[in-house]
C-alpha atoms as a PDB file:
ATOM      1  CA  UNK A   1       2.563  20.832 -12.876  1.00  0.00           C
ATOM      2  CA  UNK A   2       1.199  18.595 -10.587  1.00  0.00           C
ATOM      3  CA  UNK A   3      -2.769  17.564 -10.735  1.00  0.00           C
ATOM      4  CA  UNK A   4      -4.556  19.649  -7.665  1.00  0.00           C
ATOM      5  CA  UNK A   5      -5.516  17.780  -4.685  1.00  0.00           C
ATOM      6  CA  UNK A   6      -9.609  17.193  -5.908  1.00  0.00           C
ATOM      7  CA  UNK A   7      -8.277  15.952  -9.319  1.00  0.00           C
ATOM      8  CA  UNK A   8      -6.093  13.328  -7.410  1.00  0.00           C
ATOM      9  CA  UNK A   9      -9.042  12.628  -4.939  1.00  0.00           C
ATOM     10  CA  UNK A  10     -10.976  11.885  -8.081  1.00  0.00           C
ATOM     11  CA  UNK A  11      -8.376   9.923  -9.625  1.00  0.00           C
ATOM     12  CA  UNK A  12      -7.814   7.694  -6.455  1.00  0.00           C
ATOM     13  CA  UNK A  13     -11.520   7.029  -6.097  1.00  0.00           C
ATOM     14  CA  UNK A  14     -11.813   8.812  -2.660  1.00  0.00           C
ATOM     15  CA  UNK A  15     -14.405  11.041  -3.760  1.00  0.00           C
ATOM     16  CA  UNK A  16     -17.177   8.671  -3.300  1.00  0.00           C
ATOM     17  CA  UNK A  17     -18.339   7.231   0.011  1.00  0.00           C
ATOM     18  CA  UNK A  18     -19.213   3.544  -0.672  1.00  0.00           C
ATOM     19  CA  UNK A  19     -22.417   1.872   0.476  1.00  0.00           C
ATOM     20  CA  UNK A  20     -21.872  -1.339   2.074  1.00  0.00           C
ATOM     21  CA  UNK A  21     -23.354  -4.161  -0.114  1.00  0.00           C
ATOM     22  CA  UNK A  22     -25.661  -6.722   1.791  1.00  0.00           C
ATOM     23  CA  UNK A  23     -23.665  -9.965   2.258  1.00  0.00           C
ATOM     24  CA  UNK A  24     -26.549 -11.696   0.046  1.00  0.00           C
ATOM     25  CA  UNK A  25     -25.932 -10.093  -2.747  1.00  0.00           C
ATOM     26  CA  UNK A  26     -22.029 -11.080  -2.758  1.00  0.00           C
ATOM     27  CA  UNK A  27     -23.271 -14.633  -2.035  1.00  0.00           C
ATOM     28  CA  UNK A  28     -25.701 -14.883  -5.124  1.00  0.00           C
ATOM     29  CA  UNK A  29     -22.945 -13.182  -7.405  1.00  0.00           C
ATOM     30  CA  UNK A  30     -20.266 -15.510  -6.455  1.00  0.00           C
ATOM     31  CA  UNK A  31     -22.996 -18.677  -6.821  1.00  0.00           C
ATOM     32  CA  UNK A  32     -23.652 -17.362 -10.202  1.00  0.00           C
ATOM     33  CA  UNK A  33     -20.327 -16.148 -11.816  1.00  0.00           C
ATOM     34  CA  UNK A  34     -17.932 -18.576  -9.834  1.00  0.00           C
ATOM     35  CA  UNK A  35     -20.069 -21.297  -8.798  1.00  0.00           C
ATOM     36  CA  UNK A  36     -18.960 -20.749  -5.378  1.00  0.00           C
ATOM     37  CA  UNK A  37     -21.024 -20.882  -1.928  1.00  0.00           C
ATOM     38  CA  UNK A  38     -20.206 -20.701   1.770  1.00  0.00           C
ATOM     39  CA  UNK A  39     -19.891 -18.177   4.482  1.00  0.00           C
ATOM     40  CA  UNK A  40     -18.805 -14.988   4.117  1.00  0.00           C
ATOM     41  CA  UNK A  41     -16.506 -13.282   7.047  1.00  0.00           C
ATOM     42  CA  UNK A  42     -16.001  -9.349   6.267  1.00  0.00           C
ATOM     43  CA  UNK A  43     -12.592  -7.712   6.439  1.00  0.00           C
ATOM     44  CA  UNK A  44     -11.893  -3.737   7.350  1.00  0.00           C
ATOM     45  CA  UNK A  45     -10.575  -2.311   3.939  1.00  0.00           C
ATOM     46  CA  UNK A  46      -9.613   1.349   3.065  1.00  0.00           C
ATOM     47  CA  UNK A  47     -12.001   1.409  -0.359  1.00  0.00           C
ATOM     48  CA  UNK A  48     -13.330  -1.830  -1.570  1.00  0.00           C
ATOM     49  CA  UNK A  49     -15.400  -4.255   0.519  1.00  0.00           C
ATOM     50  CA  UNK A  50     -13.260  -7.556   1.239  1.00  0.00           C
ATOM     51  CA  UNK A  51     -14.557 -10.513   2.442  1.00  0.00           C
ATOM     52  CA  UNK A  52     -12.955 -14.180   3.277  1.00  0.00           C
ATOM     53  CA  UNK A  53     -15.262 -16.993   1.668  1.00  0.00           C
ATOM     54  CA  UNK A  54     -15.348 -20.034   3.821  1.00  0.00           C
ATOM     55  CA  UNK A  55     -16.462 -22.434   1.161  1.00  0.00           C
ATOM     56  CA  UNK A  56     -16.678 -26.115   1.634  1.00  0.00           C
ATOM     57  CA  UNK A  57     -13.535 -27.132   0.072  1.00  0.00           C
ATOM     58  CA  UNK A  58     -11.059 -23.892   0.968  1.00  0.00           C
ATOM     59  CA  UNK A  59     -10.831 -20.070   1.855  1.00  0.00           C
ATOM     60  CA  UNK A  60     -11.186 -17.411  -1.132  1.00  0.00           C
ATOM     61  CA  UNK A  61     -10.624 -13.864  -0.594  1.00  0.00           C
ATOM     62  CA  UNK A  62     -13.251 -12.063  -2.260  1.00  0.00           C
ATOM     63  CA  UNK A  63     -12.709  -8.425  -3.101  1.00  0.00           C
ATOM     64  CA  UNK A  64     -15.738  -6.117  -4.453  1.00  0.00           C
ATOM     65  CA  UNK A  65     -14.797  -2.507  -5.572  1.00  0.00           C
ATOM     66  CA  UNK A  66     -15.846   0.553  -4.484  1.00  0.00           C
ATOM     67  CA  UNK A  67     -18.661   2.849  -5.971  1.00  0.00           C
ATOM     68  CA  UNK A  68     -16.038   4.976  -7.507  1.00  0.00           C
ATOM     69  CA  UNK A  69     -14.457   3.297 -10.816  1.00  0.00           C
ATOM     70  CA  UNK A  70     -10.970   1.807 -10.098  1.00  0.00           C
ATOM     71  CA  UNK A  71      -8.270   0.319 -12.306  1.00  0.00           C
ATOM     72  CA  UNK A  72      -9.367  -3.139 -11.317  1.00  0.00           C
ATOM     73  CA  UNK A  73      -7.756  -4.494 -14.452  1.00  0.00           C
ATOM     74  CA  UNK A  74      -4.262  -3.146 -13.986  1.00  0.00           C
ATOM     75  CA  UNK A  75      -4.183  -4.735 -10.433  1.00  0.00           C
ATOM     76  CA  UNK A  76      -5.419  -7.779 -11.798  1.00  0.00           C
ATOM     77  CA  UNK A  77      -2.874  -8.310 -14.731  1.00  0.00           C
ATOM     78  CA  UNK A  78       0.014  -7.477 -12.393  1.00  0.00           C
ATOM     79  CA  UNK A  79      -1.141 -10.397 -10.207  1.00  0.00           C
ATOM     80  CA  UNK A  80      -1.320 -12.423 -13.635  1.00  0.00           C
ATOM     81  CA  UNK A  81       2.037 -11.514 -14.733  1.00  0.00           C
ATOM     82  CA  UNK A  82       3.806 -12.352 -11.463  1.00  0.00           C
ATOM     83  CA  UNK A  83       2.299 -15.627 -11.423  1.00  0.00           C
ATOM     84  CA  UNK A  84       3.840 -16.258 -14.927  1.00  0.00           C
ATOM     85  CA  UNK A  85       7.103 -14.522 -14.355  1.00  0.00           C
ATOM     86  CA  UNK A  86       8.039 -14.709 -10.881  1.00  0.00           C
ATOM     87  CA  UNK A  87       6.073 -17.932  -9.145  1.00  0.00           C
ATOM     88  CA  UNK A  88       8.716 -18.209  -6.496  1.00  0.00           C
ATOM     89  CA  UNK A  89       6.947 -14.757  -4.605  1.00  0.00           C
ATOM     90  CA  UNK A  90       3.666 -15.941  -2.891  1.00  0.00           C
ATOM     91  CA  UNK A  91       1.314 -13.241  -4.113  1.00  0.00           C
ATOM     92  CA  UNK A  92      -2.515 -14.038  -4.306  1.00  0.00           C
ATOM     93  CA  UNK A  93      -3.806 -16.168  -7.356  1.00  0.00           C
ATOM     94  CA  UNK A  94      -6.328 -14.664  -9.246  1.00  0.00           C
ATOM     95  CA  UNK A  95      -9.618 -17.226  -9.749  1.00  0.00           C
ATOM     96  CA  UNK A  96     -11.466 -16.931 -13.056  1.00  0.00           C
ATOM     97  CA  UNK A  97     -15.134 -17.091 -13.052  1.00  0.00           C
ATOM     98  CA  UNK A  98     -17.072 -19.911 -15.111  1.00  0.00           C
ATOM     99  CA  UNK A  99     -17.150 -17.496 -17.939  1.00  0.00           C
ATOM    100  CA  UNK A 100     -13.144 -17.368 -17.719  1.00  0.00           C
ATOM    101  CA  UNK A 101     -13.316 -13.878 -16.855  1.00  0.00           C
ATOM    102  CA  UNK A 102     -11.026 -12.302 -13.997  1.00  0.00           C
ATOM    103  CA  UNK A 103     -13.191  -9.251 -13.419  1.00  0.00           C
ATOM    104  CA  UNK A 104     -17.471  -9.035 -13.163  1.00  0.00           C
ATOM    105  CA  UNK A 105     -19.636  -6.446 -12.850  1.00  0.00           C
ATOM    106  CA  UNK A 106     -22.533  -6.809 -10.248  1.00  0.00           C
ATOM    107  CA  UNK A 107     -24.631  -4.315  -8.124  1.00  0.00           C
ATOM    108  CA  UNK A 108     -24.618  -0.779  -9.309  1.00  0.00           C
ATOM    109  CA  UNK A 109     -21.497  -1.535 -11.589  1.00  0.00           C
ATOM    110  CA  UNK A 110     -19.309  -2.607  -8.841  1.00  0.00           C
ATOM    111  CA  UNK A 111     -16.577  -5.157  -9.750  1.00  0.00           C
ATOM    112  CA  UNK A 112     -15.775  -8.400  -8.145  1.00  0.00           C
ATOM    113  CA  UNK A 113     -12.764 -10.498  -8.370  1.00  0.00           C
ATOM    114  CA  UNK A 114     -12.020 -13.685  -6.365  1.00  0.00           C
ATOM    115  CA  UNK A 115      -8.511 -14.280  -5.192  1.00  0.00           C
ATOM    116  CA  UNK A 116      -7.033 -17.262  -3.417  1.00  0.00           C
ATOM    117  CA  UNK A 117      -6.615 -16.937   0.542  1.00  0.00           C
ATOM    118  CA  UNK A 118      -2.886 -16.800   1.464  1.00  0.00           C
ATOM    119  CA  UNK A 119      -2.806 -17.834   5.411  1.00  0.00           C
ATOM    120  CA  UNK A 120      -0.183 -16.883   8.030  1.00  0.00           C
ATOM    121  CA  UNK A 121       0.110 -14.038  10.163  1.00  0.00           C
ATOM    122  CA  UNK A 122       0.947 -10.359   9.505  1.00  0.00           C
ATOM    123  CA  UNK A 123       4.653  -9.680   9.513  1.00  0.00           C
ATOM    124  CA  UNK A 124       3.430  -6.600  12.079  1.00  0.00           C
ATOM    125  CA  UNK A 125       2.983  -9.282  14.639  1.00  0.00           C
ATOM    126  CA  UNK A 126       6.293 -10.769  14.519  1.00  0.00           C
ATOM    127  CA  UNK A 127       9.692 -10.000  15.868  1.00  0.00           C
ATOM    128  CA  UNK A 128      11.663 -11.664  13.048  1.00  0.00           C
ATOM    129  CA  UNK A 129      14.733 -10.307  11.458  1.00  0.00           C
ATOM    130  CA  UNK A 130      13.658  -7.712   8.738  1.00  0.00           C
ATOM    131  CA  UNK A 131      16.671  -8.410   6.236  1.00  0.00           C
ATOM    132  CA  UNK A 132      15.044 -11.232   4.558  1.00  0.00           C
ATOM    133  CA  UNK A 133      11.929  -9.294   4.114  1.00  0.00           C
ATOM    134  CA  UNK A 134      13.876  -6.742   2.557  1.00  0.00           C
ATOM    135  CA  UNK A 135      15.544  -9.237  -0.006  1.00  0.00           C
ATOM    136  CA  UNK A 136      11.685 -10.208  -0.937  1.00  0.00           C
ATOM    137  CA  UNK A 137      10.664  -6.516  -1.652  1.00  0.00           C
ATOM    138  CA  UNK A 138      13.882  -6.381  -3.881  1.00  0.00           C
ATOM    139  CA  UNK A 139      12.784  -9.565  -5.968  1.00  0.00           C
ATOM    140  CA  UNK A 140       9.292  -8.177  -6.215  1.00  0.00           C
ATOM    141  CA  UNK A 141      10.591  -4.872  -7.475  1.00  0.00           C
ATOM    142  CA  UNK A 142      12.815  -6.582  -9.988  1.00  0.00           C
ATOM    143  CA  UNK A 143       9.571  -8.776 -11.352  1.00  0.00           C
ATOM    144  CA  UNK A 144       7.675  -5.883 -11.582  1.00  0.00           C
ATOM    145  CA  UNK A 145      10.593  -3.705 -13.715  1.00  0.00           C
ATOM    146  CA  UNK A 146       9.186  -3.139 -17.272  1.00  0.00           C
ATOM    147  CA  UNK A 147       5.636  -4.113 -16.635  1.00  0.00           C
ATOM    148  CA  UNK A 148       3.460  -0.997 -17.997  1.00  0.00           C
ATOM    149  CA  UNK A 149       1.144   0.545 -15.473  1.00  0.00           C
ATOM    150  CA  UNK A 150       0.563   4.544 -15.394  1.00  0.00           C
ATOM    151  CA  UNK A 151      -2.166   5.770 -13.255  1.00  0.00           C
ATOM    152  CA  UNK A 152      -2.517   8.784 -11.044  1.00  0.00           C
ATOM    153  CA  UNK A 153      -3.052   8.448  -7.081  1.00  0.00           C
ATOM    154  CA  UNK A 154      -3.030  10.552  -4.065  1.00  0.00           C
ATOM    155  CA  UNK A 155      -0.603   7.811  -2.417  1.00  0.00           C
ATOM    156  CA  UNK A 156       1.891   8.997  -4.919  1.00  0.00           C
ATOM    157  CA  UNK A 157       4.834  10.453  -3.103  1.00  0.00           C
ATOM    158  CA  UNK A 158       5.412  12.783  -6.268  1.00  0.00           C
ATOM    159  CA  UNK A 159       2.024  14.311  -5.395  1.00  0.00           C
ATOM    160  CA  UNK A 160       3.173  15.346  -1.826  1.00  0.00           C
ATOM    161  CA  UNK A 161       2.767  18.925  -2.454  1.00  0.00           C
ATOM    162  CA  UNK A 162      -0.714  18.471  -3.643  1.00  0.00           C
ATOM    163  CA  UNK A 163      -1.979  17.673   0.220  1.00  0.00           C
ATOM    164  CA  UNK A 164      -1.042  21.517   1.131  1.00  0.00           C
ATOM    165  CA  UNK A 165      -4.958  22.150   1.521  1.00  0.00           C
ATOM    166  CA  UNK A 166      -5.155  19.420   3.975  1.00  0.00           C
ATOM    167  CA  UNK A 167      -2.652  21.599   6.435  1.00  0.00           C
ATOM    168  CA  UNK A 168      -6.053  23.182   7.624  1.00  0.00           C
ATOM    169  CA  UNK A 169      -7.180  19.855   9.033  1.00  0.00           C
ATOM    170  CA  UNK A 170      -4.543  19.771  11.806  1.00  0.00           C
ATOM    171  CA  UNK A 171      -2.893  22.609  14.127  1.00  0.00           C
ATOM    172  CA  UNK A 172      -0.057  23.313  16.083  1.00  0.00           C
ATOM    173  CA  UNK A 173       3.287  21.096  16.025  1.00  0.00           C
ATOM    174  CA  UNK A 174       1.701  18.923  13.677  1.00  0.00           C
ATOM    175  CA  UNK A 175       1.050  21.492  11.021  1.00  0.00           C
ATOM    176  CA  UNK A 176       4.639  22.905  11.689  1.00  0.00           C
ATOM    177  CA  UNK A 177       5.808  19.620  11.116  1.00  0.00           C
ATOM    178  CA  UNK A 178       3.988  18.890   7.723  1.00  0.00           C
ATOM    179  CA  UNK A 179       4.804  22.303   6.305  1.00  0.00           C
ATOM    180  CA  UNK A 180       8.679  21.940   7.016  1.00  0.00           C
ATOM    181  CA  UNK A 181       8.634  18.148   5.609  1.00  0.00           C
ATOM    182  CA  UNK A 182       6.500  19.644   2.601  1.00  0.00           C
ATOM    183  CA  UNK A 183       8.769  22.738   1.787  1.00  0.00           C
ATOM    184  CA  UNK A 184      11.834  20.261   1.949  1.00  0.00           C
ATOM    185  CA  UNK A 185      10.526  17.650  -0.048  1.00  0.00           C
ATOM    186  CA  UNK A 186       9.563  20.417  -3.021  1.00  0.00           C
ATOM    187  CA  UNK A 187      13.342  21.895  -2.347  1.00  0.00           C
ATOM    188  CA  UNK A 188      15.246  18.695  -2.688  1.00  0.00           C
ATOM    189  CA  UNK A 189      13.289  15.991  -4.508  1.00  0.00           C
ATOM    190  CA  UNK A 190      12.849  16.255  -8.330  1.00  0.00           C
ATOM    191  CA  UNK A 191      10.822  13.190  -9.057  1.00  0.00           C
ATOM    192  CA  UNK A 192      11.540  13.490 -12.796  1.00  0.00           C
ATOM    193  CA  UNK A 193      15.037  12.860 -12.588  1.00  0.00           C
ATOM    194  CA  UNK A 194      14.638   9.673 -10.458  1.00  0.00           C
ATOM    195  CA  UNK A 195      14.514   5.967 -11.548  1.00  0.00           C
ATOM    196  CA  UNK A 196      10.966   4.858 -12.266  1.00  0.00           C
ATOM    197  CA  UNK A 197       8.733   1.633 -13.019  1.00  0.00           C
ATOM    198  CA  UNK A 198       5.767  -0.248 -11.764  1.00  0.00           C
ATOM    199  CA  UNK A 199       6.011  -0.700  -7.929  1.00  0.00           C
ATOM    200  CA  UNK A 200       3.871  -2.149  -5.050  1.00  0.00           C
ATOM    201  CA  UNK A 201       3.542   1.183  -3.396  1.00  0.00           C
ATOM    202  CA  UNK A 202       2.309   0.120  -0.037  1.00  0.00           C
ATOM    203  CA  UNK A 203       4.890  -2.191   1.316  1.00  0.00           C
ATOM    204  CA  UNK A 204       3.954  -2.792   4.758  1.00  0.00           C
ATOM    205  CA  UNK A 205       4.683  -5.524   7.440  1.00  0.00           C
ATOM    206  CA  UNK A 206       0.788  -5.442   7.520  1.00  0.00           C
ATOM    207  CA  UNK A 207       0.448  -6.622   3.975  1.00  0.00           C
ATOM    208  CA  UNK A 208       3.390  -9.537   4.496  1.00  0.00           C
ATOM    209  CA  UNK A 209       2.320 -12.726   5.853  1.00  0.00           C
ATOM    210  CA  UNK A 210       4.921 -15.162   7.976  1.00  0.00           C
ATOM    211  CA  UNK A 211       4.336 -18.541   8.565  1.00  0.00           C
ATOM    212  CA  UNK A 212       5.182 -20.352  11.694  1.00  0.00           C
ATOM    213  CA  UNK A 213       8.686 -20.591  11.014  1.00  0.00           C
ATOM    214  CA  UNK A 214       8.904 -16.876  10.594  1.00  0.00           C
ATOM    215  CA  UNK A 215       9.382 -17.023   6.894  1.00  0.00           C
ATOM    216  CA  UNK A 216       7.213 -15.238   4.113  1.00  0.00           C
ATOM    217  CA  UNK A 217       4.097 -16.596   3.360  1.00  0.00           C
ATOM    218  CA  UNK A 218       2.192 -13.932   1.053  1.00  0.00           C
ATOM    219  CA  UNK A 219       2.653 -10.423   0.080  1.00  0.00           C
ATOM    220  CA  UNK A 220      -0.845  -8.953  -0.249  1.00  0.00           C
ATOM    221  CA  UNK A 221      -2.720  -5.638  -1.512  1.00  0.00           C
ATOM    222  CA  UNK A 222      -1.405  -4.531  -4.979  1.00  0.00           C
ATOM    223  CA  UNK A 223      -4.488  -2.087  -4.836  1.00  0.00           C
ATOM    224  CA  UNK A 224      -1.755   0.958  -5.114  1.00  0.00           C
ATOM    225  CA  UNK A 225       0.658  -0.376  -7.975  1.00  0.00           C
ATOM    226  CA  UNK A 226       1.503   2.301 -10.153  1.00  0.00           C
ATOM    227  CA  UNK A 227       4.903   3.909 -12.088  1.00  0.00           C
ATOM    228  CA  UNK A 228       6.814   5.918 -10.075  1.00  0.00           C
ATOM    229  CA  UNK A 229      10.170   6.636  -8.502  1.00  0.00           C
ATOM    230  CA  UNK A 230      11.607   3.299  -7.003  1.00  0.00           C
ATOM    231  CA  UNK A 231      12.789   5.283  -4.253  1.00  0.00           C
ATOM    232  CA  UNK A 232       9.484   6.274  -3.174  1.00  0.00           C
ATOM    233  CA  UNK A 233       8.419   2.760  -2.743  1.00  0.00           C
ATOM    234  CA  UNK A 234      11.487   1.650  -0.974  1.00  0.00           C
ATOM    235  CA  UNK A 235      10.706   4.709   1.281  1.00  0.00           C
ATOM    236  CA  UNK A 236       7.223   3.572   1.866  1.00  0.00           C
ATOM    237  CA  UNK A 237       8.505   0.155   3.409  1.00  0.00           C
ATOM    238  CA  UNK A 238      11.143   1.352   5.630  1.00  0.00           C
ATOM    239  CA  UNK A 239       8.584   4.200   7.075  1.00  0.00           C
ATOM    240  CA  UNK A 240       6.617   1.450   8.141  1.00  0.00           C
ATOM    241  CA  UNK A 241       9.171   0.059  10.299  1.00  0.00           C
ATOM    242  CA  UNK A 242      10.296   3.048  12.017  1.00  0.00           C
ATOM    243  CA  UNK A 243       9.523   2.788  15.571  1.00  0.00           C
ATOM    244  CA  UNK A 244       9.963   5.938  17.658  1.00  0.00           C
ATOM    245  CA  UNK A 245       9.868   4.114  20.841  1.00  0.00           C
ATOM    246  CA  UNK A 246      13.065   1.847  19.997  1.00  0.00           C
ATOM    247  CA  UNK A 247      16.504   3.207  21.077  1.00  0.00           C
ATOM    248  CA  UNK A 248      17.707   3.279  17.779  1.00  0.00           C
ATOM    249  CA  UNK A 249      14.267   3.673  15.367  1.00  0.00           C
ATOM    250  CA  UNK A 250      16.253   3.302  12.289  1.00  0.00           C
ATOM    251  CA  UNK A 251      17.611  -0.284  13.209  1.00  0.00           C
ATOM    252  CA  UNK A 252      14.557  -2.500  11.484  1.00  0.00           C
ATOM    253  CA  UNK A 253      14.418  -0.056   8.344  1.00  0.00           C
ATOM    254  CA  UNK A 254      18.190  -0.222   7.769  1.00  0.00           C
ATOM    255  CA  UNK A 255      18.121  -4.011   7.981  1.00  0.00           C
ATOM    256  CA  UNK A 256      15.376  -4.061   5.472  1.00  0.00           C
ATOM    257  CA  UNK A 257      17.291  -1.961   3.432  1.00  0.00           C
ATOM    258  CA  UNK A 258      20.428  -3.737   3.587  1.00  0.00           C
ATOM    259  CA  UNK A 259      18.559  -7.127   2.237  1.00  0.00           C
ATOM    260  CA  UNK A 260      16.578  -5.102  -0.322  1.00  0.00           C
ATOM    261  CA  UNK A 261      19.946  -3.531  -1.659  1.00  0.00           C
ATOM    262  CA  UNK A 262      21.449  -6.798  -2.401  1.00  0.00           C
ATOM    263  CA  UNK A 263      18.786  -7.749  -4.841  1.00  0.00           C
ATOM    264  CA  UNK A 264      18.219  -4.487  -6.186  1.00  0.00           C
ATOM    265  CA  UNK A 265      20.754  -1.627  -6.320  1.00  0.00           C
ATOM    266  CA  UNK A 266      20.029   2.179  -6.029  1.00  0.00           C
ATOM    267  CA  UNK A 267      22.025   5.183  -6.731  1.00  0.00           C
ATOM    268  CA  UNK A 268      23.720   6.565  -3.887  1.00  0.00           C
ATOM    269  CA  UNK A 269      22.145  10.171  -4.435  1.00  0.00           C
ATOM    270  CA  UNK A 270      19.029   8.400  -4.468  1.00  0.00           C
ATOM    271  CA  UNK A 271      19.524   6.893  -1.076  1.00  0.00           C
ATOM    272  CA  UNK A 272      20.730  10.001   0.584  1.00  0.00           C
ATOM    273  CA  UNK A 273      16.875  10.963   0.055  1.00  0.00           C
ATOM    274  CA  UNK A 274      15.587   8.013   2.136  1.00  0.00           C
ATOM    275  CA  UNK A 275      15.485   9.868   5.561  1.00  0.00           C
ATOM    276  CA  UNK A 276      13.624  12.703   3.987  1.00  0.00           C
ATOM    277  CA  UNK A 277      11.279  10.495   2.289  1.00  0.00           C
ATOM    278  CA  UNK A 278      10.358   8.256   4.841  1.00  0.00           C
ATOM    279  CA  UNK A 279       9.263  10.906   6.963  1.00  0.00           C
ATOM    280  CA  UNK A 280       7.202  12.273   4.000  1.00  0.00           C
ATOM    281  CA  UNK A 281       5.237   9.339   3.755  1.00  0.00           C
ATOM    282  CA  UNK A 282       4.552   9.306   7.501  1.00  0.00           C
ATOM    283  CA  UNK A 283       3.410  13.169   7.107  1.00  0.00           C
ATOM    284  CA  UNK A 284       1.337  12.053   3.611  1.00  0.00           C
ATOM    285  CA  UNK A 285      -0.421   9.330   5.463  1.00  0.00           C
ATOM    286  CA  UNK A 286      -1.388  11.070   8.725  1.00  0.00           C
ATOM    287  CA  UNK A 287      -2.792  14.413   6.724  1.00  0.00           C
ATOM    288  CA  UNK A 288      -4.891  11.852   4.056  1.00  0.00           C
ATOM    289  CA  UNK A 289      -6.058  10.112   7.325  1.00  0.00           C
ATOM    290  CA  UNK A 290      -7.061  13.053   9.291  1.00  0.00           C
ATOM    291  CA  UNK A 291      -9.369  14.407   6.065  1.00  0.00           C
ATOM    292  CA  UNK A 292     -10.665  10.863   5.103  1.00  0.00           C
ATOM    293  CA  UNK A 293     -11.886  10.290   8.787  1.00  0.00           C
ATOM    294  CA  UNK A 294     -13.696  13.427   8.600  1.00  0.00           C
ATOM    295  CA  UNK A 295     -15.184  12.705   5.314  1.00  0.00           C
ATOM    296  CA  UNK A 296     -16.259   8.880   5.941  1.00  0.00           C
ATOM    297  CA  UNK A 297     -17.061   8.316   9.547  1.00  0.00           C
ATOM    298  CA  UNK A 298     -17.555   4.696   9.133  1.00  0.00           C
ATOM    299  CA  UNK A 299     -14.542   3.769   7.790  1.00  0.00           C
ATOM    300  CA  UNK A 300     -12.745   6.521  10.401  1.00  0.00           C
ATOM    301  CA  UNK A 301     -11.674   4.130  12.843  1.00  0.00           C
ATOM    302  CA  UNK A 302      -9.818   1.810  10.063  1.00  0.00           C
ATOM    303  CA  UNK A 303      -8.268   4.642   8.259  1.00  0.00           C
ATOM    304  CA  UNK A 304      -7.286   6.230  11.427  1.00  0.00           C
ATOM    305  CA  UNK A 305      -5.624   3.072  12.821  1.00  0.00           C
ATOM    306  CA  UNK A 306      -3.041   2.708  10.310  1.00  0.00           C
ATOM    307  CA  UNK A 307      -2.072   6.306  11.013  1.00  0.00           C
ATOM    308  CA  UNK A 308      -2.195   6.765  14.809  1.00  0.00           C
ATOM    309  CA  UNK A 309       1.441   6.996  15.335  1.00  0.00           C
ATOM    310  CA  UNK A 310       2.440   8.600  12.224  1.00  0.00           C
ATOM    311  CA  UNK A 311       2.432  12.243  13.846  1.00  0.00           C
ATOM    312  CA  UNK A 312       4.834  10.805  16.779  1.00  0.00           C
ATOM    313  CA  UNK A 313       7.055   8.842  14.576  1.00  0.00           C
ATOM    314  CA  UNK A 314       7.546  11.563  12.064  1.00  0.00           C
ATOM    315  CA  UNK A 315       8.705  14.289  14.842  1.00  0.00           C
ATOM    316  CA  UNK A 316      11.166  11.712  16.226  1.00  0.00           C
ATOM    317  CA  UNK A 317      12.804  10.930  13.221  1.00  0.00           C
ATOM    318  CA  UNK A 318      12.807  14.026  11.079  1.00  0.00           C
ATOM    319  CA  UNK A 319      16.449  15.485  10.765  1.00  0.00           C
ATOM    320  CA  UNK A 320      17.512  12.815  13.275  1.00  0.00           C
ATOM    321  CA  UNK A 321      21.436  12.407  12.997  1.00  0.00           C
ATOM    322  CA  UNK A 322      20.795   8.601  13.122  1.00  0.00           C
ATOM    323  CA  UNK A 323      19.272   8.648   9.546  1.00  0.00           C
ATOM    324  CA  UNK A 324      22.266  10.332   8.127  1.00  0.00           C
ATOM    325  CA  UNK A 325      23.737   6.694   8.268  1.00  0.00           C
ATOM    326  CA  UNK A 326      20.850   5.370   5.524  1.00  0.00           C
ATOM    327  CA  UNK A 327      22.294   3.953   2.624  1.00  0.00           C
ATOM    328  CA  UNK A 328      26.195   4.353   3.564  1.00  0.00           C
END
């Protein structure tokens, strides 16, 4: 049986509204634990607190967990694993503290991590061909195969049905669409029968950096890594490329898919689920965003900005005949 919504919220660390730390507290911890000092620049984030530390010698990414306990050890272990086994992948490098530890508890039991800062512009701001980035996605997925990492997250598509209570946060066409997508998902998708492994679970043009030549410069945000269906992870990437305003909304996602399949094959019967799964991801994100914006007004702008067009896109692509060509 799927976990109930409230259990998923707690397991995902979303049942606590995190109060921002004073930057002086973070700077003091960085000096004591890492021997680092400089100027902090705060960056908007979903649950944790994220900063860029402008030190004398370099820039660093500083992340402080929210007040809810999260599985930061898994995220850190994944980055260490990739550093050892897939050095060709441009992922952040974990910086140990002066005591050799990667994680340190600071104020109120919140954990601090320091990562290398990867320069570049988000792929979301670029117009380069998506196909090479699909290949990189395939390489990352292949590199994560076999790495253990079971956890429960609201963002796992296998738990889409548990979002039914959130239907009360939307009305009219949005509610109707969400009901239809949840019903079709329940009828067609059997997560236990799908190929599973540890995956990134949040592959987005906002989480990929490109350099001045339009080539991959960084893969970011491993905060949602977990073991789930591989096809869910692929559907997430495609959903983030769908463009309701384009002549062909599926052009960019299909280019990404072609690149991915060159590296990481997927069974035909699972590929056939991609149109539904991509739409399901959009509905999942829109429902969660609506609920979270009400609970945490301080982060509402950030949360809603990433879901602002999800309803429009989901409505445009759901049952679109062009989507039937996905995976062919």
